[in-house]
C-alpha atoms as a PDB file:
ATOM      1  CA  MET A   1     349.834 156.297  40.773  1.00  0.00           C
ATOM      2  CA  ASP A   2     349.590 155.832  45.163  1.00  0.00           C
ATOM      3  CA  VAL A   3     349.156 159.522  45.187  1.00  0.00           C
ATOM      4  CA  VAL A   4     346.659 159.367  42.818  1.00  0.00           C
ATOM      5  CA  LEU A   5     344.729 156.765  44.591  1.00  0.00           C
ATOM      6  CA  GLU A   6     344.947 158.315  47.989  1.00  0.00           C
ATOM      7  CA  VAL A   7     342.991 161.250  46.309  1.00  0.00           C
ATOM      8  CA  THR A   8     340.804 159.370  45.134  1.00  0.00           C
ATOM      9  CA  ASP A   9     339.744 157.243  47.887  1.00  0.00           C
ATOM     10  CA  THR A  10     339.639 160.148  50.515  1.00  0.00           C
ATOM     11  CA  PHE A  11     337.044 162.025  48.396  1.00  0.00           C
ATOM     12  CA  LEU A  12     335.022 159.635  46.772  1.00  0.00           C
ATOM     13  CA  LEU A  13     336.518 155.496  47.094  1.00  0.00           C
ATOM     14  CA  ASP A  14     336.491 155.333  50.763  1.00  0.00           C
ATOM     15  CA  TYR A  15     332.288 155.950  50.755  1.00  0.00           C
ATOM     16  CA  ALA A  16     331.554 153.830  48.012  1.00  0.00           C
ATOM     17  CA  TYR A  17     333.085 150.585  49.302  1.00  0.00           C
ATOM     18  CA  ALA A  18     331.557 151.872  53.397  1.00  0.00           C
ATOM     19  CA  TRP A  19     328.027 151.815  51.604  1.00  0.00           C
ATOM     20  CA  LEU A  20     328.808 148.717  48.998  1.00  0.00           C
ATOM     21  CA  LEU A  21     331.033 146.400  51.396  1.00  0.00           C
ATOM     22  CA  PRO A  22     330.385 147.406  55.135  1.00  0.00           C
ATOM     23  CA  ALA A  23     332.697 146.076  57.968  1.00  0.00           C
ATOM     24  CA  ARG A  24     330.680 143.608  60.013  1.00  0.00           C
ATOM     25  CA  PRO A  25     330.931 141.813  63.143  1.00  0.00           C
ATOM     26  CA  ALA A  26     332.094 138.565  63.895  1.00  0.00           C
ATOM     27  CA  PRO A  27     329.987 135.887  64.784  1.00  0.00           C
ATOM     28  CA  TYR A  28     328.277 135.848  68.280  1.00  0.00           C
ATOM     29  CA  ASN A  29     331.046 134.790  70.869  1.00  0.00           C
ATOM     30  CA  PHE A  30     329.597 133.909  74.388  1.00  0.00           C
ATOM     31  CA  PRO A  31     330.429 135.901  76.691  1.00  0.00           C
ATOM     32  CA  ASP A  32     331.590 138.814  74.812  1.00  0.00           C
ATOM     33  CA  ALA A  33     328.364 139.475  72.727  1.00  0.00           C
ATOM     34  CA  VAL A  34     328.951 142.330  70.128  1.00  0.00           C
ATOM     35  CA  PRO A  35     325.402 144.568  70.049  1.00  0.00           C
ATOM     36  CA  ALA A  36     323.397 144.221  67.013  1.00  0.00           C
ATOM     37  CA  ASN A  37     323.829 148.182  65.983  1.00  0.00           C
ATOM     38  CA  ALA A  38     327.444 147.996  67.209  1.00  0.00           C
ATOM     39  CA  THR A  39     329.745 149.597  64.218  1.00  0.00           C
ATOM     40  CA  VAL A  40     332.715 147.612  62.912  1.00  0.00           C
ATOM     41  CA  PHE A  41     336.020 149.972  62.282  1.00  0.00           C
ATOM     42  CA  SER A  42     339.432 148.358  60.172  1.00  0.00           C
ATOM     43  CA  THR A  43     342.552 147.938  61.495  1.00  0.00           C
ATOM     44  CA  TRP A  44     344.102 149.683  58.813  1.00  0.00           C
ATOM     45  CA  GLN A  45     346.189 152.615  59.669  1.00  0.00           C
ATOM     46  CA  TYR A  46     347.422 155.495  57.652  1.00  0.00           C
ATOM     47  CA  LYS A  47     349.715 156.457  55.829  1.00  0.00           C
ATOM     48  CA  PRO A  48     350.264 159.368  53.877  1.00  0.00           C
ATOM     49  CA  ALA A  49     351.009 158.480  49.500  1.00  0.00           C
ATOM     50  CA  THR A  50     353.723 161.568  50.030  1.00  0.00           C
ATOM     51  CA  ALA A  51     355.255 164.006  51.977  1.00  0.00           C
ATOM     52  CA  PHE A  52     354.019 166.717  50.061  1.00  0.00           C
ATOM     53  CA  PHE A  53     350.797 167.165  51.224  1.00  0.00           C
ATOM     54  CA  SER A  54     348.081 164.672  53.181  1.00  0.00           C
ATOM     55  CA  PHE A  55     344.294 164.247  53.865  1.00  0.00           C
ATOM     56  CA  GLU A  56     342.986 162.609  56.570  1.00  0.00           C
ATOM     57  CA  PRO A  57     340.679 160.099  56.121  1.00  0.00           C
ATOM     58  CA  SER A  58     336.906 160.112  57.298  1.00  0.00           C
ATOM     59  CA  ARG A  59     334.807 157.875  59.169  1.00  0.00           C
ATOM     60  CA  ALA A  60     334.144 155.999  56.400  1.00  0.00           C
ATOM     61  CA  ALA A  61     338.098 155.163  55.716  1.00  0.00           C
ATOM     62  CA  TYR A  62     337.455 152.519  58.450  1.00  0.00           C
ATOM     63  CA  THR A  63     334.027 150.885  57.825  1.00  0.00           C
ATOM     64  CA  SER A  64     334.375 149.141  54.856  1.00  0.00           C
ATOM     65  CA  ALA A  65     335.286 145.343  55.139  1.00  0.00           C
ATOM     66  CA  TRP A  66     337.668 146.296  52.448  1.00  0.00           C
ATOM     67  CA  ALA A  67     340.309 148.326  53.925  1.00  0.00           C
ATOM     68  CA  ARG A  68     342.776 150.704  51.418  1.00  0.00           C
ATOM     69  CA  ASP A  69     345.185 148.428  51.393  1.00  0.00           C
ATOM     70  CA  ASN A  70     343.193 145.503  50.802  1.00  0.00           C
ATOM     71  CA  ILE A  71     344.761 143.809  47.351  1.00  0.00           C
ATOM     72  CA  TYR A  72     341.405 143.415  45.661  1.00  0.00           C
ATOM     73  CA  ARG A  73     340.273 146.576  45.983  1.00  0.00           C
ATOM     74  CA  GLN A  74     343.665 148.094  44.905  1.00  0.00           C
ATOM     75  CA  THR A  75     343.037 146.494  42.100  1.00  0.00           C
ATOM     76  CA  LEU A  76     339.705 147.361  41.119  1.00  0.00           C
ATOM     77  CA  SER A  77     340.815 151.195  41.951  1.00  0.00           C
ATOM     78  CA  LEU A  78     343.410 151.498  39.537  1.00  0.00           C
ATOM     79  CA  PHE A  79     341.133 149.978  36.853  1.00  0.00           C
ATOM     80  CA  LEU A  80     338.278 152.747  37.694  1.00  0.00           C
ATOM     81  CA  ILE A  81     340.922 155.290  37.946  1.00  0.00           C
ATOM     82  CA  LEU A  82     342.706 153.987  34.315  1.00  0.00           C
ATOM     83  CA  TRP A  83     339.867 154.008  32.595  1.00  0.00           C
ATOM     84  CA  LEU A  84     337.514 156.481  33.953  1.00  0.00           C
ATOM     85  CA  PHE A  85     340.632 159.286  34.539  1.00  0.00           C
ATOM     86  CA  GLY A  86     342.054 158.163  31.634  1.00  0.00           C
ATOM     87  CA  LEU A  87     338.572 159.311  29.502  1.00  0.00           C
ATOM     88  CA  LEU A  88     338.633 162.411  31.175  1.00  0.00           C
ATOM     89  CA  VAL A  89     341.864 163.424  30.043  1.00  0.00           C
ATOM     90  CA  TYR A  90     340.954 162.161  26.778  1.00  0.00           C
ATOM     91  CA  PHE A  91     337.756 164.060  26.061  1.00  0.00           C
ATOM     92  CA  LEU A  92     339.228 166.880  27.642  1.00  0.00           C
ATOM     93  CA  PHE A  93     342.303 167.518  25.688  1.00  0.00           C
ATOM     94  CA  ALA A  94     341.149 166.089  22.499  1.00  0.00           C
ATOM     95  CA  SER A  95     337.541 168.297  22.749  1.00  0.00           C
ATOM     96  CA  LEU A  96     340.119 171.588  23.577  1.00  0.00           C
ATOM     97  CA  SER A  97     342.338 170.303  20.749  1.00  0.00           C
ATOM     98  CA  TYR A  98     339.529 170.244  18.440  1.00  0.00           C
ATOM     99  CA  LEU A  99     337.803 173.229  19.628  1.00  0.00           C
ATOM    100  CA  PHE A 100     340.945 175.376  18.983  1.00  0.00           C
ATOM    101  CA  VAL A 101     343.294 174.307  17.067  1.00  0.00           C
ATOM    102  CA  PHE A 102     341.744 171.206  14.508  1.00  0.00           C
ATOM    103  CA  ASP A 103     341.417 173.106  11.803  1.00  0.00           C
ATOM    104  CA  LYS A 104     338.086 172.216  10.487  1.00  0.00           C
ATOM    105  CA  LYS A 105     338.713 172.420   6.867  1.00  0.00           C
ATOM    106  CA  THR A 106     340.201 168.573   6.994  1.00  0.00           C
ATOM    107  CA  PHE A 107     336.495 167.404   7.059  1.00  0.00           C
ATOM    108  CA  GLU A 108     336.722 167.981   3.131  1.00  0.00           C
ATOM    109  CA  HIS A 109     340.164 165.997   2.630  1.00  0.00           C
ATOM    110  CA  PRO A 110     339.383 163.011   0.066  1.00  0.00           C
ATOM    111  CA  LYS A 111     340.694 160.589   3.210  1.00  0.00           C
ATOM    112  CA  PHE A 112     338.499 161.732   5.796  1.00  0.00           C
ATOM    113  CA  LEU A 113     336.259 158.755   6.378  1.00  0.00           C
ATOM    114  CA  LYS A 114     332.274 159.084   6.967  1.00  0.00           C
ATOM    115  CA  ASN A 115     331.582 160.211  10.407  1.00  0.00           C
ATOM    116  CA  GLN A 116     335.160 159.715  11.401  1.00  0.00           C
ATOM    117  CA  VAL A 117     334.930 162.456  14.857  1.00  0.00           C
ATOM    118  CA  TRP A 118     332.278 160.009  16.155  1.00  0.00           C
ATOM    119  CA  LEU A 119     333.773 156.578  15.182  1.00  0.00           C
ATOM    120  CA  GLU A 120     337.176 157.686  16.453  1.00  0.00           C
ATOM    121  CA  MET A 121     335.452 158.393  19.879  1.00  0.00           C
ATOM    122  CA  LYS A 122     333.517 155.265  19.380  1.00  0.00           C
ATOM    123  CA  GLN A 123     337.015 152.860  19.123  1.00  0.00           C
ATOM    124  CA  ALA A 124     338.522 155.364  22.055  1.00  0.00           C
ATOM    125  CA  ASN A 125     335.395 154.182  24.565  1.00  0.00           C
ATOM    126  CA  TRP A 126     335.786 150.912  23.602  1.00  0.00           C
ATOM    127  CA  ALA A 127     339.721 150.391  23.657  1.00  0.00           C
ATOM    128  CA  MET A 128     339.900 152.172  26.983  1.00  0.00           C
ATOM    129  CA  PRO A 129     338.914 149.513  29.343  1.00  0.00           C
ATOM    130  CA  GLY A 130     340.344 146.685  27.745  1.00  0.00           C
ATOM    131  CA  MET A 131     343.724 149.000  28.233  1.00  0.00           C
ATOM    132  CA  ALA A 132     342.691 149.658  32.016  1.00  0.00           C
ATOM    133  CA  LEU A 133     341.982 146.078  32.479  1.00  0.00           C
ATOM    134  CA  LEU A 134     345.673 144.792  31.494  1.00  0.00           C
ATOM    135  CA  THR A 135     347.555 147.599  32.925  1.00  0.00           C
ATOM    136  CA  ALA A 136     346.030 147.581  36.416  1.00  0.00           C
ATOM    137  CA  PRO A 137     347.927 144.645  37.559  1.00  0.00           C
ATOM    138  CA  MET A 138     350.980 146.760  37.251  1.00  0.00           C
ATOM    139  CA  LEU A 139     349.890 149.811  38.729  1.00  0.00           C
ATOM    140  CA  VAL A 140     349.183 146.972  41.561  1.00  0.00           C
ATOM    141  CA  ALA A 141     352.442 146.105  41.955  1.00  0.00           C
ATOM    142  CA  GLU A 142     353.889 149.781  42.133  1.00  0.00           C
ATOM    143  CA  VAL A 143     351.610 150.873  44.527  1.00  0.00           C
ATOM    144  CA  ARG A 144     352.573 147.758  46.461  1.00  0.00           C
ATOM    145  CA  GLY A 145     356.405 148.584  46.725  1.00  0.00           C
ATOM    146  CA  HIS A 146     357.731 146.485  44.000  1.00  0.00           C
ATOM    147  CA  SER A 147     358.736 149.369  41.882  1.00  0.00           C
ATOM    148  CA  LEU A 148     361.592 152.140  42.270  1.00  0.00           C
ATOM    149  CA  LEU A 149     359.275 155.084  42.784  1.00  0.00           C
ATOM    150  CA  TYR A 150     360.409 157.335  45.394  1.00  0.00           C
ATOM    151  CA  ASP A 151     358.431 160.424  47.233  1.00  0.00           C
ATOM    152  CA  THR A 152     361.282 162.591  48.146  1.00  0.00           C
ATOM    153  CA  SER A 153     365.191 163.357  47.295  1.00  0.00           C
ATOM    154  CA  ASP A 154     366.664 161.530  50.017  1.00  0.00           C
ATOM    155  CA  GLN A 155     364.783 157.953  49.282  1.00  0.00           C
ATOM    156  CA  GLY A 156     365.897 158.438  45.710  1.00  0.00           C
ATOM    157  CA  PRO A 157     369.561 158.961  44.181  1.00  0.00           C
ATOM    158  CA  GLY A 158     369.592 162.870  45.051  1.00  0.00           C
ATOM    159  CA  ARG A 159     369.144 166.243  44.320  1.00  0.00           C
ATOM    160  CA  TRP A 160     370.520 165.906  40.530  1.00  0.00           C
ATOM    161  CA  TYR A 161     368.649 162.604  39.505  1.00  0.00           C
ATOM    162  CA  ASP A 162     364.999 164.577  40.185  1.00  0.00           C
ATOM    163  CA  TRP A 163     366.067 166.582  37.329  1.00  0.00           C
ATOM    164  CA  VAL A 164     367.813 163.712  34.969  1.00  0.00           C
ATOM    165  CA  GLN A 165     364.875 161.263  34.915  1.00  0.00           C
ATOM    166  CA  PHE A 166     362.961 163.496  32.684  1.00  0.00           C
ATOM    167  CA  PRO A 167     365.369 163.202  29.776  1.00  0.00           C
ATOM    168  CA  LEU A 168     365.710 159.272  31.267  1.00  0.00           C
ATOM    169  CA  PHE A 169     362.321 158.566  31.043  1.00  0.00           C
ATOM    170  CA  ILE A 170     361.631 160.459  27.428  1.00  0.00           C
ATOM    171  CA  VAL A 171     364.744 158.564  26.064  1.00  0.00           C
ATOM    172  CA  PHE A 172     363.602 155.052  27.273  1.00  0.00           C
ATOM    173  CA  THR A 173     359.893 155.312  26.461  1.00  0.00           C
ATOM    174  CA  ASP A 174     360.772 156.086  23.118  1.00  0.00           C
ATOM    175  CA  PHE A 175     363.369 153.894  21.927  1.00  0.00           C
ATOM    176  CA  GLY A 176     360.669 151.163  23.862  1.00  0.00           C
ATOM    177  CA  ILE A 177     357.990 152.545  21.726  1.00  0.00           C
ATOM    178  CA  TYR A 178     359.009 153.045  18.566  1.00  0.00           C
ATOM    179  CA  TRP A 179     360.513 149.023  18.211  1.00  0.00           C
ATOM    180  CA  VAL A 180     356.993 148.052  19.712  1.00  0.00           C
ATOM    181  CA  HIS A 181     355.542 150.468  17.020  1.00  0.00           C
ATOM    182  CA  ARG A 182     357.174 149.131  14.521  1.00  0.00           C
ATOM    183  CA  TRP A 183     356.572 145.142  15.933  1.00  0.00           C
ATOM    184  CA  LEU A 184     352.769 146.490  15.357  1.00  0.00           C
ATOM    185  CA  HIS A 185     353.471 147.109  11.830  1.00  0.00           C
ATOM    186  CA  LEU A 186     354.299 143.136  11.256  1.00  0.00           C
ATOM    187  CA  PRO A 187     351.898 142.039   8.683  1.00  0.00           C
ATOM    188  CA  ALA A 188     350.500 139.679  10.801  1.00  0.00           C
ATOM    189  CA  VAL A 189     350.124 141.862  13.462  1.00  0.00           C
ATOM    190  CA  TYR A 190     349.490 144.747  11.770  1.00  0.00           C
ATOM    191  CA  LYS A 191     345.915 143.097  10.716  1.00  0.00           C
ATOM    192  CA  ARG A 192     344.762 142.212  13.722  1.00  0.00           C
ATOM    193  CA  LEU A 193     345.727 144.502  16.096  1.00  0.00           C
ATOM    194  CA  HIS A 194     347.439 147.968  15.049  1.00  0.00           C
ATOM    195  CA  LYS A 195     345.075 148.528  11.649  1.00  0.00           C
ATOM    196  CA  PRO A 196     341.877 149.870  13.729  1.00  0.00           C
ATOM    197  CA  HIS A 197     344.153 152.770  14.673  1.00  0.00           C
ATOM    198  CA  HIS A 198     345.350 153.008  10.903  1.00  0.00           C
ATOM    199  CA  LYS A 199     341.624 153.424   9.682  1.00  0.00           C
ATOM    200  CA  TRP A 200     342.319 157.188  10.380  1.00  0.00           C
ATOM    201  CA  ILE A 201     344.204 158.477   7.409  1.00  0.00           C
ATOM    202  CA  VAL A 202     343.796 162.534   8.509  1.00  0.00           C
ATOM    203  CA  CYS A 203     343.309 161.965  12.063  1.00  0.00           C
ATOM    204  CA  THR A 204     341.324 164.584  14.619  1.00  0.00           C
ATOM    205  CA  PRO A 205     342.322 164.799  17.676  1.00  0.00           C
ATOM    206  CA  TYR A 206     340.244 161.762  19.009  1.00  0.00           C
ATOM    207  CA  ALA A 207     341.780 159.614  17.302  1.00  0.00           C
ATOM    208  CA  SER A 208     344.940 159.506  19.475  1.00  0.00           C
ATOM    209  CA  HIS A 209     343.275 156.871  21.584  1.00  0.00           C
ATOM    210  CA  ALA A 210     341.329 154.844  18.916  1.00  0.00           C
ATOM    211  CA  PHE A 211     343.171 152.323  19.232  1.00  0.00           C
ATOM    212  CA  HIS A 212     342.426 148.130  19.353  1.00  0.00           C
ATOM    213  CA  PRO A 213     342.963 147.726  23.457  1.00  0.00           C
ATOM    214  CA  LEU A 214     346.271 145.604  22.984  1.00  0.00           C
ATOM    215  CA  ASP A 215     347.993 147.645  21.033  1.00  0.00           C
ATOM    216  CA  GLY A 216     346.986 150.587  23.093  1.00  0.00           C
ATOM    217  CA  PHE A 217     348.641 148.533  26.323  1.00  0.00           C
ATOM    218  CA  ALA A 218     351.640 147.201  23.947  1.00  0.00           C
ATOM    219  CA  GLN A 219     352.377 150.438  22.970  1.00  0.00           C
ATOM    220  CA  SER A 220     351.576 151.946  26.993  1.00  0.00           C
ATOM    221  CA  LEU A 221     354.252 149.163  28.181  1.00  0.00           C
ATOM    222  CA  PRO A 222     357.519 151.130  27.756  1.00  0.00           C
ATOM    223  CA  TYR A 223     356.132 153.502  30.627  1.00  0.00           C
ATOM    224  CA  HIS A 224     355.040 151.301  32.936  1.00  0.00           C
ATOM    225  CA  ILE A 225     358.380 149.044  32.573  1.00  0.00           C
ATOM    226  CA  PHE A 226     360.306 152.520  33.946  1.00  0.00           C
ATOM    227  CA  PRO A 227     359.691 152.560  36.791  1.00  0.00           C
ATOM    228  CA  PHE A 228     360.312 148.911  37.285  1.00  0.00           C
ATOM    229  CA  ILE A 229     364.016 149.528  36.148  1.00  0.00           C
ATOM    230  CA  PHE A 230     364.693 153.373  36.749  1.00  0.00           C
ATOM    231  CA  PRO A 231     363.993 155.271  39.803  1.00  0.00           C
ATOM    232  CA  LEU A 232     361.218 157.998  39.404  1.00  0.00           C
ATOM    233  CA  GLN A 233     359.721 160.048  41.803  1.00  0.00           C
ATOM    234  CA  LYS A 234     355.970 159.714  42.498  1.00  0.00           C
ATOM    235  CA  LEU A 235     354.570 163.162  41.432  1.00  0.00           C
ATOM    236  CA  ALA A 236     356.699 163.454  38.468  1.00  0.00           C
ATOM    237  CA  TYR A 237     355.177 159.676  37.527  1.00  0.00           C
ATOM    238  CA  VAL A 238     351.906 161.708  37.875  1.00  0.00           C
ATOM    239  CA  GLY A 239     352.730 164.187  36.179  1.00  0.00           C
ATOM    240  CA  LEU A 240     354.146 162.373  32.916  1.00  0.00           C
ATOM    241  CA  PHE A 241     351.248 160.207  32.608  1.00  0.00           C
ATOM    242  CA  VAL A 242     349.345 163.493  31.770  1.00  0.00           C
ATOM    243  CA  PHE A 243     351.879 164.670  29.725  1.00  0.00           C
ATOM    244  CA  ILE A 244     351.991 161.823  27.828  1.00  0.00           C
ATOM    245  CA  ASN A 245     348.206 161.865  26.935  1.00  0.00           C
ATOM    246  CA  PHE A 246     348.418 165.048  26.022  1.00  0.00           C
ATOM    247  CA  TRP A 247     351.368 165.003  23.552  1.00  0.00           C
ATOM    248  CA  THR A 248     349.465 161.625  22.195  1.00  0.00           C
ATOM    249  CA  ILE A 249     346.533 164.063  21.515  1.00  0.00           C
ATOM    250  CA  MET A 250     349.204 167.043  19.922  1.00  0.00           C
ATOM    251  CA  ILE A 251     350.666 164.311  17.343  1.00  0.00           C
ATOM    252  CA  HIS A 252     347.104 163.337  16.167  1.00  0.00           C
ATOM    253  CA  ASP A 253     345.740 167.278  16.023  1.00  0.00           C
ATOM    254  CA  GLY A 254     347.185 168.230  12.606  1.00  0.00           C
ATOM    255  CA  GLU A 255     348.659 170.793  13.627  1.00  0.00           C
ATOM    256  CA  TYR A 256     352.525 171.241  11.830  1.00  0.00           C
ATOM    257  CA  ILE A 257     353.976 174.114  14.620  1.00  0.00           C
ATOM    258  CA  ALA A 258     357.799 173.721  13.532  1.00  0.00           C
ATOM    259  CA  ASN A 259     359.708 171.601  11.082  1.00  0.00           C
ATOM    260  CA  ASN A 260     362.459 170.540  13.580  1.00  0.00           C
ATOM    261  CA  PRO A 261     364.210 167.445  12.530  1.00  0.00           C
ATOM    262  CA  VAL A 262     364.705 166.049  15.705  1.00  0.00           C
ATOM    263  CA  ILE A 263     361.164 166.469  17.059  1.00  0.00           C
ATOM    264  CA  ASN A 264     358.833 163.664  16.073  1.00  0.00           C
ATOM    265  CA  GLY A 265     355.234 166.295  15.914  1.00  0.00           C
ATOM    266  CA  ALA A 266     352.223 166.447  14.827  1.00  0.00           C
ATOM    267  CA  ALA A 267     353.294 166.318  10.912  1.00  0.00           C
ATOM    268  CA  CYS A 268     355.805 163.619  11.055  1.00  0.00           C
ATOM    269  CA  HIS A 269     352.761 161.412  12.355  1.00  0.00           C
ATOM    270  CA  SER A 270     350.617 162.523   9.911  1.00  0.00           C
ATOM    271  CA  VAL A 271     353.621 161.008   7.684  1.00  0.00           C
ATOM    272  CA  HIS A 272     352.767 157.703   9.862  1.00  0.00           C
ATOM    273  CA  HIS A 273     349.503 157.802   8.893  1.00  0.00           C
ATOM    274  CA  LEU A 274     349.462 158.733   5.106  1.00  0.00           C
ATOM    275  CA  ALA A 275     352.608 156.521   4.424  1.00  0.00           C
ATOM    276  CA  PHE A 276     352.204 153.465   7.243  1.00  0.00           C
ATOM    277  CA  ASN A 277     355.918 152.538   7.535  1.00  0.00           C
ATOM    278  CA  TYR A 278     357.741 155.755   8.639  1.00  0.00           C
ATOM    279  CA  ASN A 279     357.925 157.027  11.374  1.00  0.00           C
ATOM    280  CA  TYR A 280     357.333 154.693  14.383  1.00  0.00           C
ATOM    281  CA  GLY A 281     358.653 157.270  17.044  1.00  0.00           C
ATOM    282  CA  GLN A 282     356.875 159.033  19.703  1.00  0.00           C
ATOM    283  CA  TYR A 283     358.918 162.271  20.864  1.00  0.00           C
ATOM    284  CA  THR A 284     361.799 162.066  18.836  1.00  0.00           C
ATOM    285  CA  THR A 285     363.338 160.877  15.255  1.00  0.00           C
ATOM    286  CA  LEU A 286     366.248 159.755  16.660  1.00  0.00           C
ATOM    287  CA  TRP A 287     364.914 156.070  16.358  1.00  0.00           C
ATOM    288  CA  ASP A 288     363.924 156.132  13.187  1.00  0.00           C
ATOM    289  CA  ARG A 289     366.835 157.828  11.787  1.00  0.00           C
ATOM    290  CA  LEU A 290     368.779 154.980  13.095  1.00  0.00           C
ATOM    291  CA  GLY A 291     366.231 152.442  12.310  1.00  0.00           C
ATOM    292  CA  GLY A 292     366.150 153.517   8.571  1.00  0.00           C
ATOM    293  CA  SER A 293     362.475 154.099   8.435  1.00  0.00           C
ATOM    294  CA  TYR A 294     362.766 158.394   8.876  1.00  0.00           C
ATOM    295  CA  ARG A 295     360.148 160.290   6.074  1.00  0.00           C
ATOM    296  CA  ALA A 296     361.180 163.766   6.220  1.00  0.00           C
ATOM    297  CA  PRO A 297     357.741 165.799   5.911  1.00  0.00           C
ATOM    298  CA  GLU A 298     357.970 167.700   2.799  1.00  0.00           C
ATOM    299  CA  ALA A 299     358.231 171.767   3.359  1.00  0.00           C
ATOM    300  CA  ALA A 300     354.644 172.410   2.079  1.00  0.00           C
ATOM    301  CA  MET A 301     353.199 171.143   5.067  1.00  0.00           C
ATOM    302  CA  PHE A 302     354.656 173.840   6.668  1.00  0.00           C
ATOM    303  CA  ARG A 303     352.670 176.191   4.827  1.00  0.00           C
ATOM    304  CA  LYS A 304     348.895 176.559   5.809  1.00  0.00           C
ATOM    305  CA  GLU A 305     347.883 177.763   2.150  1.00  0.00           C
ATOM    306  CA  THR A 306     349.446 174.495   0.523  1.00  0.00           C
ATOM    307  CA  ARG A 307     349.202 171.689   3.008  1.00  0.00           C
ATOM    308  CA  MET A 308     345.026 172.374   2.859  1.00  0.00           C
ATOM    309  CA  SER A 309     344.580 172.982  -1.076  1.00  0.00           C
ATOM    310  CA  ARG A 310     343.398 170.313  -3.241  1.00  0.00           C
ATOM    311  CA  ARG A 311     346.622 169.531  -4.986  1.00  0.00           C
ATOM    312  CA  HIS A 312     348.282 168.794  -2.059  1.00  0.00           C
ATOM    313  CA  TRP A 313     345.708 166.709  -1.329  1.00  0.00           C
ATOM    314  CA  GLU A 314     345.887 164.812  -4.047  1.00  0.00           C
ATOM    315  CA  LYS A 315     349.656 164.296  -3.776  1.00  0.00           C
ATOM    316  CA  GLU A 316     348.650 162.429  -0.501  1.00  0.00           C
ATOM    317  CA  CYS A 317     346.255 160.558  -1.618  1.00  0.00           C
ATOM    318  CA  HIS A 318     348.432 159.243  -4.001  1.00  0.00           C
ATOM    319  CA  VAL A 319     351.044 158.152  -1.462  1.00  0.00           C
ATOM    320  CA  MET A 320     348.334 156.454   0.788  1.00  0.00           C
ATOM    321  CA  GLU A 321     346.983 154.378  -2.389  1.00  0.00           C
ATOM    322  CA  THR A 322     350.402 153.139  -3.215  1.00  0.00           C
ATOM    323  CA  ILE A 323     351.545 151.797  -0.098  1.00  0.00           C
ATOM    324  CA  VAL A 324     348.045 150.860   1.132  1.00  0.00           C
ATOM    325  CA  GLN A 325     347.396 147.892  -1.648  1.00  0.00           C
ATOM    326  CA  GLU A 326     351.135 146.577  -0.288  1.00  0.00           C
ATOM    327  CA  VAL A 327     350.110 146.672   3.660  1.00  0.00           C
ATOM    328  CA  GLU A 328     346.695 146.218   3.709  1.00  0.00           C
ATOM    329  CA  GLY A 329     345.239 145.091   0.606  1.00  0.00           C
ATOM    330  CA  GLU A 330     342.122 145.995  -0.615  1.00  0.00           C
ATOM    331  CA  ASP A 331     341.100 149.750   1.133  1.00  0.00           C
ATOM    332  CA  ASP A 332     338.286 149.046   2.804  1.00  0.00           C
ATOM    333  CA  ARG A 333     337.689 152.018   4.602  1.00  0.00           C
ATOM    334  CA  VAL A 334     334.246 154.245   4.065  1.00  0.00           C
ATOM    335  CA  TYR A 335     334.869 158.100   2.987  1.00  0.00           C
ATOM    336  CA  GLU A 336     333.099 161.369   2.883  1.00  0.00           C
ATOM    337  CA  PRO A 337     331.472 161.808  -0.217  1.00  0.00           C
ATOM    338  CA  GLU A 338     332.040 164.120  -2.762  1.00  0.00           C
ATOM    339  CA  THR A 339     328.971 165.710  -2.581  1.00  0.00           C
ATOM    340  CA  LYS A 340     328.575 166.805   1.112  1.00  0.00           C
ATOM    341  CA  LYS A 341     331.788 167.843   1.512  1.00  0.00           C
ATOM    342  CA  SER A 342     331.670 170.338  -1.614  1.00  0.00           C
ATOM    343  CA  ARG A 343     328.885 171.748   0.195  1.00  0.00           C
END
């Protein structure tokens, strides 16, 4: 994340910190008087975060009391980047998916909530600052050199690993998320942390990040733990961060592209929202199959004319209403009235 931090510092945060926390002259020390209008510069020295590109720092980078390597500045900066950059990625990809992929006929589903799109956005906006606050210390540790992140191939295990790191990352995080997600479905944990995300029985892309902050942080832990256990190239780390967010949106968009027995796509995840205690995986069905929690999507879900039929919806509602009694007891959701849906 030091690459993202350097880019943000260069084009935005250097100027903000120089203005908010300008460096000030040391107290008057006779006979070496310091002029009142003297400009004080930091002793910090610029070292590019990556060998692939660099940005020459402006004068503002040297005129703040908090230099770029100040731990308090790094913590605050990374918190803001996680929060605001996360919101940008969320709204950009979720909005594109909502406009061009999501089928608006879903609004007519009996289990679509009243004002659901707004509620999903509201929950995500409430969750993201908390998730960012909890995650920022791990990124600070990365930036300060305590992880196994590397830049060029000669700094890592070798060129072969530049390719191996991607499937290794997927396998590790898929395994980690499966168990975190399954833990979140333990009755005592579910009602306190995970239930807000299961408020959405049929999802829109905006449900992708609509979590309780502790829930979202817990499910992100495998991603952030990985570079402390395994080497990971810096730019690959940033790319995977964007991919993770994109994938999370994709499995909530309601578009069931292919009935693949290996990939945990939108159809598998829709089964999870309807049937609760199945399909905990993130990318694949492997761990669900091994853990006995796999539930295959019905073939009808991959035919749009049947998937969006009233008969299929009634069947989904029956499944959900049966299982929600076991998981939650009373269903306290407020659904769109049928009169409004039939217009």
